[in-house]
Amino acid sequence: MYHGNTEYIEGINVSGLIWNSENEFVATVDNDLIKGQFVGKTTVRSTTGNLSFIVEVNARHHLYEEPLLDFGASKEEIKAKRGKPKSEDATSLLYETGNVNVPYELYVFQNGGLYTCGVVCKLTIASTLAEFLTERYLTVKVDMNKYSATLMHCYGKIKDPQIDYGVAMQYQSSLGGLLVAYTQTNNKTRNDLDVKQAFELLENAMN
């Protein structure tokens, strides 16, 4: 299924069963109705009995391959997986992607470990980028006047969300495009200082 789609649970001897989704940020279950939330997989189980199945929410939009989100990894570990960069310095790696709409991918390191990573997208794909991100991440804040948005990658239960990393998009005039930053977080909210620092580090890596 896809983000926003719904499907009914059907089968033999399933009438009256109560169902529970292990990851409600991928899919929720209300009575026998499953709703696709964000891209990913979750297990749906019956709370009475031993029935279970996998629900997969697929992506409609495949704008780019997202960066390696191995937060804390060293430069050498990223290079071993990603290959030789176009350029590097003591704290960053820059790659050309071969994707004309998303030409650059960046990794920035602090204290020897990956702190933030991101991609540069052309402004002409802004609407597609918004759809790409919102089918994968929970939107926290959007400012269309500034071409900016903050989103979260969540898992677990909607009433008790677990967040492992945040995603922020912003138009950067110095780059002539949209910069999408991925940063690790162990908190339920992100403050502007975290986002600002991630953007500054990535922008500096491009220059």
Protein backbone atom coordinates (compact mmCIF):
# COMPACT_ATOMS: atom_id res chain seq x y z
CA MET A 1 0.00 0.00 0.00
CA TYR A 2 0.96 3.67 -0.21
CA HIS A 3 1.04 6.67 2.12
CA GLY A 4 -2.59 7.65 2.83
CA ASN A 5 -4.14 4.46 1.39
CA THR A 6 -6.50 2.24 3.38
CA GLU A 7 -7.20 -1.50 3.21
CA TYR A 8 -9.56 -3.78 5.14
CA ILE A 9 -8.31 -6.90 6.89
CA GLU A 10 -10.06 -9.88 5.34
CA GLY A 11 -9.71 -13.61 5.85
CA ILE A 12 -11.07 -16.75 7.45
CA ASN A 13 -11.86 -16.61 11.18
CA VAL A 14 -10.74 -12.98 11.60
CA SER A 15 -14.15 -11.51 12.38
CA GLY A 16 -14.20 -9.80 15.78
CA LEU A 17 -10.43 -9.87 16.30
CA ILE A 18 -8.67 -6.80 17.67
CA TRP A 19 -5.51 -5.79 15.84
CA ASN A 20 -2.44 -3.85 16.90
CA SER A 21 0.31 -2.29 14.75
CA GLU A 22 3.81 -2.47 16.21
CA ASN A 23 4.81 0.73 14.39
CA GLU A 24 1.90 3.13 14.05
CA PHE A 25 4.03 5.59 12.11
CA VAL A 26 4.11 3.09 9.25
CA ALA A 27 0.48 1.98 9.51
CA THR A 28 -2.40 2.23 11.97
CA VAL A 29 -5.26 -0.20 12.52
CA ASP A 30 -8.77 0.89 13.51
CA ASN A 31 -11.08 -2.11 13.86
CA ASP A 32 -10.37 -3.92 10.56
CA LEU A 33 -9.17 -0.85 8.64
CA ILE A 34 -5.45 -0.39 7.99
CA LYS A 35 -4.19 3.07 7.01
CA GLY A 36 -0.78 3.59 5.45
CA GLN A 37 1.10 6.39 7.21
CA PHE A 38 4.78 6.63 6.21
CA VAL A 39 7.15 4.54 4.10
CA GLY A 40 8.36 1.43 5.91
CA LYS A 41 7.27 -1.95 7.28
CA THR A 42 5.37 -2.92 10.41
CA THR A 43 3.92 -6.09 11.90
CA VAL A 44 0.18 -6.15 12.62
CA ARG A 45 -0.82 -8.67 15.29
CA SER A 46 -4.08 -9.83 16.77
CA THR A 47 -4.29 -9.08 20.48
CA THR A 48 -6.20 -12.33 20.96
CA GLY A 49 -4.81 -15.34 19.16
CA ASN A 50 -1.52 -15.70 17.33
CA LEU A 51 -2.31 -14.16 13.96
CA SER A 52 0.09 -11.64 12.40
CA PHE A 53 1.15 -10.25 9.04
CA ILE A 54 3.50 -7.65 7.59
CA VAL A 55 2.24 -4.34 6.23
CA GLU A 56 4.56 -2.46 3.87
CA VAL A 57 3.97 1.15 2.89
CA ASN A 58 5.75 1.83 -0.39
CA ALA A 59 6.99 5.11 -1.84
CA ARG A 60 5.34 6.76 -4.82
CA HIS A 61 8.22 9.19 -5.23
CA HIS A 62 11.85 8.11 -5.74
CA LEU A 63 13.54 11.47 -6.10
CA TYR A 64 16.95 10.43 -4.75
CA GLU A 65 18.75 7.78 -2.74
CA GLU A 66 18.92 9.15 0.79
CA PRO A 67 22.38 9.59 2.37
CA LEU A 68 23.92 7.02 4.68
CA LEU A 69 22.38 7.73 8.08
CA ASP A 70 25.15 6.05 10.07
CA PHE A 71 25.35 8.79 12.70
CA GLY A 72 28.54 8.53 14.73
CA ALA A 73 30.41 6.67 11.98
CA SER A 74 33.91 7.82 11.07
CA LYS A 75 34.91 9.34 7.74
CA GLU A 76 36.68 6.15 6.77
CA GLU A 77 33.58 4.08 7.52
CA ILE A 78 31.43 6.34 5.33
CA LYS A 79 34.02 6.28 2.53
CA ALA A 80 34.21 2.48 2.72
CA LYS A 81 30.45 2.32 2.03
CA ARG A 82 29.98 5.37 -0.21
CA GLY A 83 33.22 5.30 -2.18
CA LYS A 84 35.73 7.96 -3.13
CA PRO A 85 34.36 11.51 -2.66
CA LYS A 86 34.63 14.36 -5.13
CA SER A 87 36.35 16.34 -2.39
CA GLU A 88 37.04 16.17 1.35
CA ASP A 89 38.65 18.06 4.19
CA ALA A 90 39.21 17.33 7.87
CA THR A 91 35.50 17.42 8.76
CA SER A 92 33.51 16.79 5.59
CA LEU A 93 32.96 14.68 2.48
CA LEU A 94 31.33 15.88 -0.76
CA TYR A 95 29.96 13.52 -3.42
CA GLU A 96 28.49 14.08 -6.87
CA THR A 97 25.45 11.84 -7.27
CA GLY A 98 24.92 11.67 -11.02
CA ASN A 99 21.31 12.79 -10.39
CA VAL A 100 20.72 16.02 -12.34
CA ASN A 101 17.96 17.12 -9.94
CA VAL A 102 19.89 16.25 -6.78
CA PRO A 103 23.52 16.74 -7.80
CA TYR A 104 25.34 16.74 -4.43
CA GLU A 105 25.48 14.69 -1.26
CA LEU A 106 27.40 15.84 1.82
CA TYR A 107 28.60 14.40 5.14
CA VAL A 108 29.86 16.48 8.07
CA PHE A 109 31.73 15.08 11.08
CA GLN A 110 32.22 16.32 14.63
CA ASN A 111 34.51 14.71 17.21
CA GLY A 112 35.38 12.00 14.71
CA GLY A 113 31.80 10.88 14.07
CA LEU A 114 29.10 11.68 11.51
CA TYR A 115 27.01 14.56 12.87
CA THR A 116 24.87 15.55 9.90
CA CYS A 117 24.47 14.72 6.22
CA GLY A 118 22.40 16.12 3.41
CA VAL A 119 21.68 16.64 -0.27
CA VAL A 120 21.33 19.67 -2.52
CA CYS A 121 18.20 19.72 -4.72
CA LYS A 122 17.30 22.06 -7.55
CA LEU A 123 14.58 24.58 -6.75
CA THR A 124 12.58 23.41 -9.78
CA ILE A 125 11.73 20.14 -8.00
CA ALA A 126 10.45 21.81 -4.79
CA SER A 127 6.91 20.40 -5.04
CA THR A 128 8.16 16.88 -5.78
CA LEU A 129 10.64 17.14 -2.91
CA ALA A 130 7.82 18.09 -0.53
CA GLU A 131 5.86 14.99 -1.56
CA PHE A 132 8.98 12.83 -1.33
CA LEU A 133 9.62 13.94 2.25
CA THR A 134 6.03 13.94 3.54
CA GLU A 135 5.42 10.33 2.53
CA ARG A 136 8.48 9.33 4.59
CA TYR A 137 8.51 11.69 7.58
CA LEU A 138 6.17 13.32 10.08
CA THR A 139 5.90 17.05 9.35
CA VAL A 140 6.57 19.33 12.32
CA LYS A 141 6.73 22.79 10.77
CA VAL A 142 6.40 24.24 7.26
CA ASP A 143 7.01 27.76 5.99
CA MET A 144 6.28 27.83 2.25
CA ASN A 145 7.22 31.51 2.03
CA LYS A 146 10.79 30.59 2.95
CA TYR A 147 10.84 27.16 1.28
CA SER A 148 11.58 25.54 4.62
CA ALA A 149 10.25 22.59 6.59
CA THR A 150 11.18 20.48 9.60
CA LEU A 151 10.23 16.80 9.78
CA MET A 152 10.90 13.77 11.99
CA HIS A 153 11.55 10.09 11.45
CA CYS A 154 9.39 8.43 14.11
CA TYR A 155 8.58 4.88 15.13
CA GLY A 156 6.54 3.04 17.76
CA LYS A 157 3.20 4.32 19.04
CA ILE A 158 1.67 7.65 18.05
CA LYS A 159 0.74 8.37 21.70
CA ASP A 160 4.37 7.77 22.72
CA PRO A 161 6.50 8.63 19.68
CA GLN A 162 10.12 7.56 19.44
CA ILE A 163 12.31 9.77 17.27
CA ASP A 164 15.70 8.74 15.94
CA TYR A 165 16.53 11.54 13.52
CA GLY A 166 15.21 14.77 12.11
CA VAL A 167 15.04 16.11 8.56
CA ALA A 168 15.04 19.80 7.65
CA MET A 169 14.63 21.41 4.23
CA GLN A 170 15.51 25.01 3.45
CA TYR A 171 16.25 27.14 0.41
CA GLN A 172 19.88 28.27 0.46
CA SER A 173 20.48 31.22 -1.86
CA SER A 174 24.25 30.72 -1.70
CA LEU A 175 23.81 27.22 -3.16
CA GLY A 176 21.03 28.18 -5.55
CA GLY A 177 18.93 25.25 -4.42
CA LEU A 178 17.19 23.42 -1.62
CA LEU A 179 19.36 21.89 1.07
CA VAL A 180 17.95 18.88 2.91
CA ALA A 181 19.72 18.10 6.19
CA TYR A 182 19.52 14.86 8.19
CA THR A 183 20.56 15.02 11.84
CA GLN A 184 20.31 12.59 14.73
CA THR A 185 18.13 13.47 17.69
CA ASN A 186 17.13 11.70 20.89
CA ASN A 187 14.55 14.31 21.81
CA LYS A 188 10.85 14.71 20.97
CA THR A 189 11.37 18.20 19.63
CA ARG A 190 14.05 20.01 17.67
CA ASN A 191 15.10 23.56 18.34
CA ASP A 192 16.12 26.11 15.76
CA LEU A 193 19.74 26.08 16.93
CA ASP A 194 20.15 22.40 16.00
CA VAL A 195 18.67 22.96 12.55
CA LYS A 196 20.66 26.13 12.00
CA GLN A 197 23.92 24.42 12.93
CA ALA A 198 23.23 21.51 10.59
CA PHE A 199 22.55 23.87 7.68
CA GLU A 200 25.64 25.98 8.40
CA LEU A 201 27.89 22.95 8.56
CA LEU A 202 26.56 21.52 5.31
CA GLU A 203 26.69 24.87 3.53
CA ASN A 204 30.30 25.36 4.63
CA ALA A 205 31.14 21.90 3.32
CA MET A 206 29.86 22.93 -0.13
CA ASN A 207 31.97 26.10 -0.24
